């Protein structure tokens, strides 16, 4: 389950339901593309890939994390414990660097508008700082969720609108 682990878990910060939002983002990406979003072999490697794609870890997470000293200097600089995952001989897992390119590569004929909404939804699910990450309530109101037809109950049976 390392591939779906939120950065606050890796760093040993306090956590709540926001870890589930992160995991949902990683899972949705994998369902759509068939690829693991952050194919790290260790927690440090996972953080390296997250930072490469999503940017810097919030200072408060580095200062409050019980395991931050394993991954960051006292000045908050990330310490990468290994080289690029994709460069490892025999490794077929290639890290994702550009979310939209990865989404487009799956189905170039996909409605571009839906892809933009899907990318935005994933970006909000995969925000590094859990305090800024989309909440379950906000996710339910996101445009991407609204694009799908909602089931309508007719005489005890579900019927798509």
N, C-alpha and C. Protein backbone atom coordinates (compact mmCIF):
# COMPACT_ATOMS: atom_id res chain seq x y z
N UNK A 1 0.82 -1.20 0.00
CA UNK A 1 0.00 0.00 0.00
C UNK A 1 0.86 1.26 0.00
N UNK A 2 2.18 1.11 -0.10
CA UNK A 2 3.07 2.27 -0.11
C UNK A 2 2.72 3.23 -1.25
N UNK A 3 2.29 2.70 -2.39
CA UNK A 3 2.03 3.53 -3.56
C UNK A 3 0.89 4.53 -3.35
N UNK A 4 0.07 4.31 -2.36
CA UNK A 4 -1.10 5.16 -2.11
C UNK A 4 -0.95 5.96 -0.82
N UNK A 5 0.23 5.91 -0.23
CA UNK A 5 0.52 6.54 1.06
C UNK A 5 0.69 8.05 0.90
N UNK A 6 -0.02 8.79 1.71
CA UNK A 6 0.06 10.26 1.67
C UNK A 6 1.38 10.73 2.29
N UNK A 7 1.86 11.90 1.87
CA UNK A 7 3.14 12.39 2.40
C UNK A 7 3.13 12.57 3.93
N UNK A 8 1.99 12.95 4.50
CA UNK A 8 1.94 13.14 5.95
C UNK A 8 2.13 11.83 6.71
N UNK A 9 1.75 10.72 6.10
CA UNK A 9 1.98 9.40 6.72
C UNK A 9 3.47 9.08 6.68
N UNK A 10 4.09 9.30 5.53
CA UNK A 10 5.52 9.01 5.37
C UNK A 10 6.34 9.83 6.35
N UNK A 11 5.94 11.08 6.57
CA UNK A 11 6.70 11.96 7.45
C UNK A 11 6.37 11.78 8.93
N UNK A 12 5.29 11.07 9.22
CA UNK A 12 4.91 10.84 10.61
C UNK A 12 4.18 12.02 11.23
N UNK A 13 3.43 12.76 10.41
CA UNK A 13 2.62 13.87 10.91
C UNK A 13 1.28 13.33 11.39
N UNK A 14 0.57 14.13 12.18
CA UNK A 14 -0.79 13.75 12.54
C UNK A 14 -1.61 13.73 11.26
N UNK A 15 -2.63 12.87 11.23
CA UNK A 15 -3.40 12.75 10.00
C UNK A 15 -4.87 12.51 10.30
N UNK A 16 -5.67 12.70 9.25
CA UNK A 16 -7.12 12.49 9.34
C UNK A 16 -7.63 11.95 8.01
N UNK A 17 -8.85 12.28 7.69
CA UNK A 17 -9.48 11.75 6.47
C UNK A 17 -8.77 12.21 5.20
N UNK A 18 -7.93 13.22 5.31
CA UNK A 18 -7.24 13.72 4.12
C UNK A 18 -6.31 12.66 3.52
N UNK A 19 -5.86 11.70 4.32
CA UNK A 19 -5.02 10.63 3.76
C UNK A 19 -5.84 9.80 2.77
N UNK A 20 -7.13 9.68 3.02
CA UNK A 20 -7.99 8.92 2.11
C UNK A 20 -8.18 9.66 0.79
N UNK A 21 -8.19 10.98 0.85
CA UNK A 21 -8.33 11.77 -0.37
C UNK A 21 -7.08 11.59 -1.24
N UNK A 22 -5.92 11.58 -0.60
CA UNK A 22 -4.67 11.35 -1.33
C UNK A 22 -4.72 9.96 -1.99
N UNK A 23 -5.08 8.96 -1.21
CA UNK A 23 -5.14 7.59 -1.73
C UNK A 23 -6.14 7.47 -2.88
N UNK A 24 -7.26 8.17 -2.77
CA UNK A 24 -8.24 8.18 -3.85
C UNK A 24 -7.63 8.73 -5.12
N UNK A 25 -6.88 9.82 -5.02
CA UNK A 25 -6.23 10.41 -6.20
C UNK A 25 -5.26 9.43 -6.85
N UNK A 26 -4.43 8.79 -6.04
CA UNK A 26 -3.46 7.83 -6.58
C UNK A 26 -4.17 6.63 -7.21
N UNK A 27 -5.26 6.20 -6.60
CA UNK A 27 -6.03 5.06 -7.10
C UNK A 27 -6.74 5.41 -8.41
N UNK A 28 -7.38 6.57 -8.47
CA UNK A 28 -8.07 6.98 -9.70
C UNK A 28 -7.09 7.10 -10.87
N UNK A 29 -5.91 7.66 -10.59
CA UNK A 29 -4.89 7.75 -11.63
C UNK A 29 -4.53 6.36 -12.15
N UNK A 30 -4.33 5.43 -11.23
CA UNK A 30 -3.94 4.07 -11.63
C UNK A 30 -5.06 3.37 -12.39
N UNK A 31 -6.30 3.56 -11.97
CA UNK A 31 -7.43 2.94 -12.67
C UNK A 31 -7.51 3.48 -14.10
N UNK A 32 -7.34 4.78 -14.27
CA UNK A 32 -7.46 5.40 -15.59
C UNK A 32 -6.29 5.05 -16.50
N UNK A 33 -5.06 5.09 -15.97
CA UNK A 33 -3.88 4.91 -16.82
C UNK A 33 -3.30 3.50 -16.80
N UNK A 34 -3.60 2.75 -15.74
CA UNK A 34 -2.97 1.45 -15.58
C UNK A 34 -1.55 1.56 -15.04
N UNK A 35 -1.15 2.77 -14.64
CA UNK A 35 0.20 3.01 -14.13
C UNK A 35 0.13 3.42 -12.66
N UNK A 36 1.17 3.05 -11.93
CA UNK A 36 1.29 3.51 -10.55
C UNK A 36 1.83 4.93 -10.60
N UNK A 37 1.19 5.83 -9.90
CA UNK A 37 1.56 7.24 -9.95
C UNK A 37 2.92 7.51 -9.32
N UNK A 38 3.17 6.95 -8.15
CA UNK A 38 4.44 7.14 -7.45
C UNK A 38 5.04 5.76 -7.16
N UNK A 39 5.79 5.19 -8.12
CA UNK A 39 6.30 3.82 -7.96
C UNK A 39 7.59 3.74 -7.15
N UNK A 40 7.61 4.36 -5.99
CA UNK A 40 8.81 4.35 -5.16
C UNK A 40 9.01 3.01 -4.47
N UNK A 41 10.28 2.67 -4.26
CA UNK A 41 10.60 1.39 -3.61
C UNK A 41 10.79 1.54 -2.10
N UNK A 42 10.90 2.79 -1.63
CA UNK A 42 11.01 3.08 -0.19
C UNK A 42 10.21 4.34 0.09
N UNK A 43 10.01 4.66 1.37
CA UNK A 43 9.32 5.90 1.71
C UNK A 43 10.08 7.12 1.19
N UNK A 44 11.41 7.08 1.28
CA UNK A 44 12.22 8.18 0.79
C UNK A 44 12.05 8.34 -0.72
N UNK A 45 12.03 7.23 -1.42
CA UNK A 45 11.84 7.26 -2.87
C UNK A 45 10.45 7.79 -3.23
N UNK A 46 9.46 7.40 -2.43
CA UNK A 46 8.09 7.92 -2.65
C UNK A 46 8.09 9.44 -2.51
N UNK A 47 8.71 9.95 -1.45
CA UNK A 47 8.77 11.41 -1.26
C UNK A 47 9.49 12.09 -2.42
N UNK A 48 10.58 11.48 -2.88
CA UNK A 48 11.34 12.05 -4.00
C UNK A 48 10.45 12.21 -5.22
N UNK A 49 9.67 11.16 -5.52
CA UNK A 49 8.78 11.20 -6.69
C UNK A 49 7.65 12.20 -6.50
N UNK A 50 7.11 12.27 -5.29
CA UNK A 50 6.05 13.24 -4.99
C UNK A 50 6.55 14.66 -5.17
N UNK A 51 7.73 14.94 -4.63
CA UNK A 51 8.31 16.27 -4.72
C UNK A 51 8.61 16.61 -6.18
N UNK A 52 9.10 15.64 -6.92
CA UNK A 52 9.42 15.87 -8.33
C UNK A 52 8.17 16.27 -9.12
N UNK A 53 7.05 15.66 -8.81
CA UNK A 53 5.82 15.95 -9.54
C UNK A 53 5.01 17.08 -8.91
N UNK A 54 4.91 17.10 -7.58
CA UNK A 54 3.99 18.00 -6.90
C UNK A 54 4.65 19.23 -6.28
N UNK A 55 5.95 19.21 -6.13
CA UNK A 55 6.63 20.35 -5.53
C UNK A 55 6.97 20.14 -4.07
N UNK A 56 7.44 21.20 -3.47
CA UNK A 56 7.98 21.19 -2.11
C UNK A 56 6.96 20.72 -1.06
N UNK A 57 7.48 20.05 -0.04
CA UNK A 57 6.69 19.67 1.13
C UNK A 57 6.59 20.90 2.03
N UNK A 58 5.41 21.14 2.58
CA UNK A 58 5.20 22.30 3.46
C UNK A 58 6.16 22.27 4.64
N UNK A 59 6.66 23.44 5.01
CA UNK A 59 7.61 23.56 6.13
C UNK A 59 7.04 22.98 7.41
N UNK A 60 5.76 23.21 7.66
CA UNK A 60 5.18 22.71 8.92
C UNK A 60 5.21 21.18 8.96
N UNK A 61 5.05 20.52 7.79
CA UNK A 61 5.08 19.06 7.75
C UNK A 61 6.48 18.56 8.07
N UNK A 62 7.49 19.24 7.54
CA UNK A 62 8.88 18.84 7.81
C UNK A 62 9.20 19.06 9.28
N UNK A 63 8.75 20.17 9.85
CA UNK A 63 9.08 20.45 11.26
C UNK A 63 8.29 19.59 12.24
N UNK A 64 7.08 19.17 11.89
CA UNK A 64 6.24 18.39 12.81
C UNK A 64 6.36 16.87 12.61
N UNK A 65 6.87 16.43 11.49
CA UNK A 65 6.93 15.01 11.20
C UNK A 65 7.91 14.25 12.08
N UNK A 66 7.44 13.15 12.66
CA UNK A 66 8.29 12.32 13.52
C UNK A 66 9.45 11.68 12.74
N UNK A 67 9.24 11.49 11.41
CA UNK A 67 10.26 10.82 10.60
C UNK A 67 10.94 11.77 9.62
N UNK A 68 10.71 13.06 9.77
CA UNK A 68 11.28 14.04 8.83
C UNK A 68 12.79 13.99 8.77
N UNK A 69 13.44 13.71 9.90
CA UNK A 69 14.91 13.70 9.93
C UNK A 69 15.49 12.59 9.05
N UNK A 70 14.67 11.63 8.69
CA UNK A 70 15.12 10.56 7.78
C UNK A 70 15.17 11.05 6.33
N UNK A 71 14.45 12.15 6.07
CA UNK A 71 14.27 12.60 4.69
C UNK A 71 14.70 14.03 4.42
N UNK A 72 14.90 14.83 5.48
CA UNK A 72 15.23 16.24 5.31
C UNK A 72 16.35 16.65 6.25
N UNK A 73 17.15 17.64 5.80
CA UNK A 73 18.17 18.22 6.68
C UNK A 73 17.48 19.14 7.68
N UNK A 74 18.23 19.64 8.64
CA UNK A 74 17.67 20.59 9.62
C UNK A 74 17.19 21.87 8.93
N UNK A 75 17.75 22.16 7.76
CA UNK A 75 17.35 23.34 7.00
C UNK A 75 16.13 23.06 6.11
N UNK A 76 15.62 21.83 6.15
CA UNK A 76 14.44 21.48 5.36
C UNK A 76 14.73 21.08 3.93
N UNK A 77 15.97 20.73 3.65
CA UNK A 77 16.35 20.30 2.30
C UNK A 77 16.19 18.78 2.21
N UNK A 78 15.52 18.34 1.15
CA UNK A 78 15.26 16.91 0.98
C UNK A 78 16.55 16.15 0.74
N UNK A 79 16.68 15.01 1.40
CA UNK A 79 17.84 14.13 1.25
C UNK A 79 17.37 12.90 0.48
N UNK A 80 17.75 12.82 -0.79
CA UNK A 80 17.36 11.67 -1.59
C UNK A 80 18.33 10.53 -1.31
N UNK A 81 17.78 9.40 -0.90
CA UNK A 81 18.61 8.25 -0.53
C UNK A 81 18.99 7.39 -1.72
N UNK A 82 18.43 7.66 -2.90
CA UNK A 82 18.77 6.84 -4.06
C UNK A 82 18.63 7.63 -5.33
N UNK A 83 19.13 7.04 -6.40
CA UNK A 83 19.03 7.66 -7.72
C UNK A 83 17.65 7.45 -8.31
N UNK A 84 17.42 8.01 -9.46
CA UNK A 84 16.14 7.91 -10.16
C UNK A 84 15.65 6.47 -10.23
N UNK A 85 14.38 6.24 -9.89
CA UNK A 85 13.77 4.92 -9.95
C UNK A 85 13.83 4.36 -11.37
N UNK A 86 13.53 5.19 -12.35
CA UNK A 86 13.48 4.73 -13.74
C UNK A 86 14.84 4.29 -14.25
N UNK A 87 15.93 4.75 -13.64
CA UNK A 87 17.27 4.39 -14.10
C UNK A 87 17.76 3.07 -13.55
N UNK A 88 17.04 2.50 -12.63
CA UNK A 88 17.44 1.23 -12.04
C UNK A 88 17.32 0.13 -13.09
N UNK A 89 18.38 -0.66 -13.32
CA UNK A 89 18.30 -1.71 -14.34
C UNK A 89 17.14 -2.66 -14.09
N UNK A 90 16.40 -2.95 -15.15
CA UNK A 90 15.29 -3.90 -15.07
C UNK A 90 14.02 -3.31 -14.49
N UNK A 91 14.02 -2.03 -14.17
CA UNK A 91 12.84 -1.41 -13.57
C UNK A 91 11.90 -0.93 -14.67
N UNK A 92 10.71 -1.49 -14.71
CA UNK A 92 9.74 -1.09 -15.73
C UNK A 92 8.82 0.01 -15.23
N UNK A 93 9.00 0.43 -14.00
CA UNK A 93 8.16 1.49 -13.43
C UNK A 93 8.79 2.84 -13.75
N UNK A 94 8.11 3.64 -14.55
CA UNK A 94 8.63 4.95 -14.89
C UNK A 94 7.81 6.00 -14.16
N UNK A 95 8.47 6.85 -13.39
CA UNK A 95 7.72 7.84 -12.62
C UNK A 95 7.00 8.83 -13.52
N UNK A 96 5.86 9.27 -13.06
CA UNK A 96 5.06 10.26 -13.78
C UNK A 96 5.58 11.63 -13.41
N UNK A 97 5.87 12.44 -14.42
CA UNK A 97 6.32 13.79 -14.15
C UNK A 97 5.28 14.82 -14.57
N UNK A 98 4.50 14.50 -15.59
CA UNK A 98 3.48 15.43 -16.06
C UNK A 98 2.13 14.71 -16.09
N UNK A 99 1.25 15.13 -15.21
CA UNK A 99 -0.05 14.48 -15.05
C UNK A 99 -0.87 14.50 -16.33
N UNK A 100 -0.99 15.65 -16.97
CA UNK A 100 -1.83 15.76 -18.17
C UNK A 100 -1.30 14.90 -19.31
N UNK A 101 0.01 14.89 -19.52
CA UNK A 101 0.58 14.05 -20.58
C UNK A 101 0.27 12.58 -20.34
N UNK A 102 0.36 12.16 -19.09
CA UNK A 102 0.05 10.77 -18.76
C UNK A 102 -1.42 10.45 -19.02
N UNK A 103 -2.30 11.37 -18.70
CA UNK A 103 -3.73 11.15 -18.92
C UNK A 103 -4.05 11.13 -20.41
N UNK A 104 -3.47 12.07 -21.16
CA UNK A 104 -3.73 12.14 -22.61
C UNK A 104 -3.20 10.91 -23.34
N UNK A 105 -2.10 10.35 -22.87
CA UNK A 105 -1.48 9.22 -23.56
C UNK A 105 -2.35 7.97 -23.53
N UNK A 106 -3.25 7.88 -22.57
CA UNK A 106 -4.12 6.70 -22.44
C UNK A 106 -5.15 6.67 -23.56
N UNK A 107 -5.79 7.80 -23.79
CA UNK A 107 -6.83 7.88 -24.82
C UNK A 107 -6.81 9.27 -25.44
N UNK A 108 -6.05 9.44 -26.53
CA UNK A 108 -5.94 10.76 -27.16
C UNK A 108 -7.30 11.31 -27.65
N UNK A 109 -8.29 10.44 -27.84
CA UNK A 109 -9.61 10.89 -28.30
C UNK A 109 -10.53 11.30 -27.15
N UNK A 110 -10.08 11.18 -25.93
CA UNK A 110 -10.91 11.56 -24.78
C UNK A 110 -11.31 13.03 -24.91
N UNK A 111 -12.50 13.35 -24.48
CA UNK A 111 -13.00 14.72 -24.48
C UNK A 111 -12.02 15.59 -23.69
N UNK A 112 -11.37 16.57 -24.35
CA UNK A 112 -10.36 17.40 -23.66
C UNK A 112 -10.92 18.13 -22.44
N UNK A 113 -12.18 18.53 -22.51
CA UNK A 113 -12.80 19.24 -21.39
C UNK A 113 -12.89 18.32 -20.17
N UNK A 114 -13.30 17.07 -20.39
CA UNK A 114 -13.38 16.12 -19.28
C UNK A 114 -12.00 15.84 -18.71
N UNK A 115 -10.99 15.75 -19.60
CA UNK A 115 -9.63 15.50 -19.12
C UNK A 115 -9.13 16.65 -18.25
N UNK A 116 -9.44 17.87 -18.63
CA UNK A 116 -9.04 19.03 -17.83
C UNK A 116 -9.70 18.96 -16.45
N UNK A 117 -10.98 18.61 -16.42
CA UNK A 117 -11.68 18.49 -15.13
C UNK A 117 -11.11 17.34 -14.30
N UNK A 118 -10.79 16.22 -14.97
CA UNK A 118 -10.22 15.07 -14.27
C UNK A 118 -8.85 15.43 -13.70
N UNK A 119 -8.02 16.09 -14.50
CA UNK A 119 -6.69 16.51 -14.03
C UNK A 119 -6.83 17.45 -12.83
N UNK A 120 -7.76 18.41 -12.91
CA UNK A 120 -7.97 19.33 -11.80
C UNK A 120 -8.40 18.58 -10.54
N UNK A 121 -9.28 17.62 -10.72
CA UNK A 121 -9.75 16.81 -9.59
C UNK A 121 -8.58 16.05 -8.97
N UNK A 122 -7.76 15.42 -9.81
CA UNK A 122 -6.59 14.68 -9.30
C UNK A 122 -5.62 15.63 -8.59
N UNK A 123 -5.38 16.80 -9.18
CA UNK A 123 -4.46 17.77 -8.57
C UNK A 123 -4.93 18.15 -7.16
N UNK A 124 -6.24 18.33 -7.01
CA UNK A 124 -6.78 18.71 -5.71
C UNK A 124 -6.73 17.56 -4.71
N UNK A 125 -6.90 16.33 -5.20
CA UNK A 125 -6.78 15.16 -4.33
C UNK A 125 -5.34 14.93 -3.90
N UNK A 126 -4.41 15.29 -4.78
CA UNK A 126 -3.00 15.02 -4.56
C UNK A 126 -2.20 16.26 -4.15
N UNK A 127 -2.84 17.16 -3.45
CA UNK A 127 -2.15 18.34 -2.92
C UNK A 127 -1.27 17.88 -1.76
N UNK A 128 0.00 18.29 -1.79
CA UNK A 128 0.96 17.82 -0.78
C UNK A 128 0.55 18.17 0.65
N UNK A 129 0.08 19.38 0.86
CA UNK A 129 -0.31 19.81 2.21
C UNK A 129 -1.74 19.35 2.49
N UNK A 130 -1.93 18.48 3.47
CA UNK A 130 -3.28 17.97 3.74
C UNK A 130 -4.27 19.06 4.15
N UNK A 131 -3.77 20.16 4.70
CA UNK A 131 -4.65 21.27 5.08
C UNK A 131 -5.20 22.01 3.86
N UNK A 132 -4.55 21.86 2.74
CA UNK A 132 -4.98 22.51 1.50
C UNK A 132 -5.65 21.52 0.53
N UNK A 133 -5.58 20.24 0.86
CA UNK A 133 -6.15 19.18 0.01
C UNK A 133 -7.68 19.27 0.03
N UNK A 134 -8.29 18.88 -1.05
CA UNK A 134 -9.75 18.89 -1.16
C UNK A 134 -10.36 17.95 -0.10
N UNK A 135 -11.47 18.39 0.47
CA UNK A 135 -12.17 17.57 1.48
C UNK A 135 -13.16 16.64 0.77
N UNK A 136 -13.65 15.62 1.48
CA UNK A 136 -14.66 14.74 0.85
C UNK A 136 -15.89 15.53 0.37
N UNK A 137 -16.33 16.48 1.16
CA UNK A 137 -17.50 17.28 0.78
C UNK A 137 -17.23 18.10 -0.47
N UNK A 138 -16.05 18.72 -0.53
CA UNK A 138 -15.67 19.51 -1.71
C UNK A 138 -15.53 18.61 -2.93
N UNK A 139 -14.98 17.42 -2.73
CA UNK A 139 -14.81 16.49 -3.85
C UNK A 139 -16.15 16.12 -4.47
N UNK A 140 -17.16 15.92 -3.64
CA UNK A 140 -18.48 15.57 -4.16
C UNK A 140 -19.08 16.69 -5.00
N UNK A 141 -18.66 17.92 -4.74
CA UNK A 141 -19.17 19.05 -5.51
C UNK A 141 -18.28 19.45 -6.67
N UNK A 142 -17.19 18.73 -6.89
CA UNK A 142 -16.26 19.08 -7.97
C UNK A 142 -16.91 18.86 -9.33
N UNK A 143 -16.56 19.69 -10.28
CA UNK A 143 -17.12 19.63 -11.64
C UNK A 143 -16.94 18.25 -12.27
N UNK A 144 -15.79 17.62 -12.05
CA UNK A 144 -15.56 16.30 -12.65
C UNK A 144 -16.60 15.29 -12.20
N UNK A 145 -16.95 15.31 -10.93
CA UNK A 145 -17.96 14.39 -10.39
C UNK A 145 -19.32 14.71 -11.01
N UNK A 146 -19.61 15.97 -11.23
CA UNK A 146 -20.88 16.38 -11.81
C UNK A 146 -21.03 16.02 -13.28
N UNK A 147 -19.93 15.67 -13.96
CA UNK A 147 -19.98 15.32 -15.38
C UNK A 147 -20.62 13.96 -15.62
N UNK A 148 -20.55 13.12 -14.66
CA UNK A 148 -21.07 11.76 -14.80
C UNK A 148 -22.57 11.75 -14.55
N UNK A 149 -23.28 10.89 -15.27
CA UNK A 149 -24.73 10.83 -15.05
C UNK A 149 -25.00 10.24 -13.67
N UNK A 150 -25.97 10.80 -13.03
CA UNK A 150 -26.34 10.34 -11.69
C UNK A 150 -27.48 9.33 -11.82
N UNK A 151 -27.41 8.25 -11.05
CA UNK A 151 -28.48 7.26 -11.14
C UNK A 151 -29.80 7.83 -10.63
N UNK A 152 -30.85 7.46 -11.29
CA UNK A 152 -32.19 7.88 -10.89
C UNK A 152 -32.98 6.62 -10.57
N UNK A 153 -33.63 6.61 -9.43
CA UNK A 153 -34.40 5.44 -9.02
C UNK A 153 -35.81 5.56 -9.61
N UNK A 154 -36.18 4.56 -10.41
CA UNK A 154 -37.51 4.53 -11.01
C UNK A 154 -38.13 3.19 -10.67
N UNK A 155 -39.21 3.18 -9.92
CA UNK A 155 -39.92 1.96 -9.55
C UNK A 155 -38.98 0.91 -8.96
N UNK A 156 -38.09 1.37 -8.06
CA UNK A 156 -37.21 0.44 -7.36
C UNK A 156 -36.01 -0.02 -8.17
N UNK A 157 -35.83 0.49 -9.39
CA UNK A 157 -34.68 0.13 -10.21
C UNK A 157 -33.88 1.37 -10.51
N UNK A 158 -32.58 1.19 -10.71
CA UNK A 158 -31.75 2.31 -11.07
C UNK A 158 -31.79 2.51 -12.58
N UNK A 159 -31.90 3.75 -13.00
CA UNK A 159 -31.91 4.07 -14.41
C UNK A 159 -31.04 5.31 -14.60
N UNK A 160 -30.10 5.27 -15.53
CA UNK A 160 -29.24 6.43 -15.77
C UNK A 160 -30.04 7.53 -16.43
N UNK A 161 -29.73 8.77 -16.03
CA UNK A 161 -30.43 9.91 -16.62
C UNK A 161 -29.83 10.24 -17.97
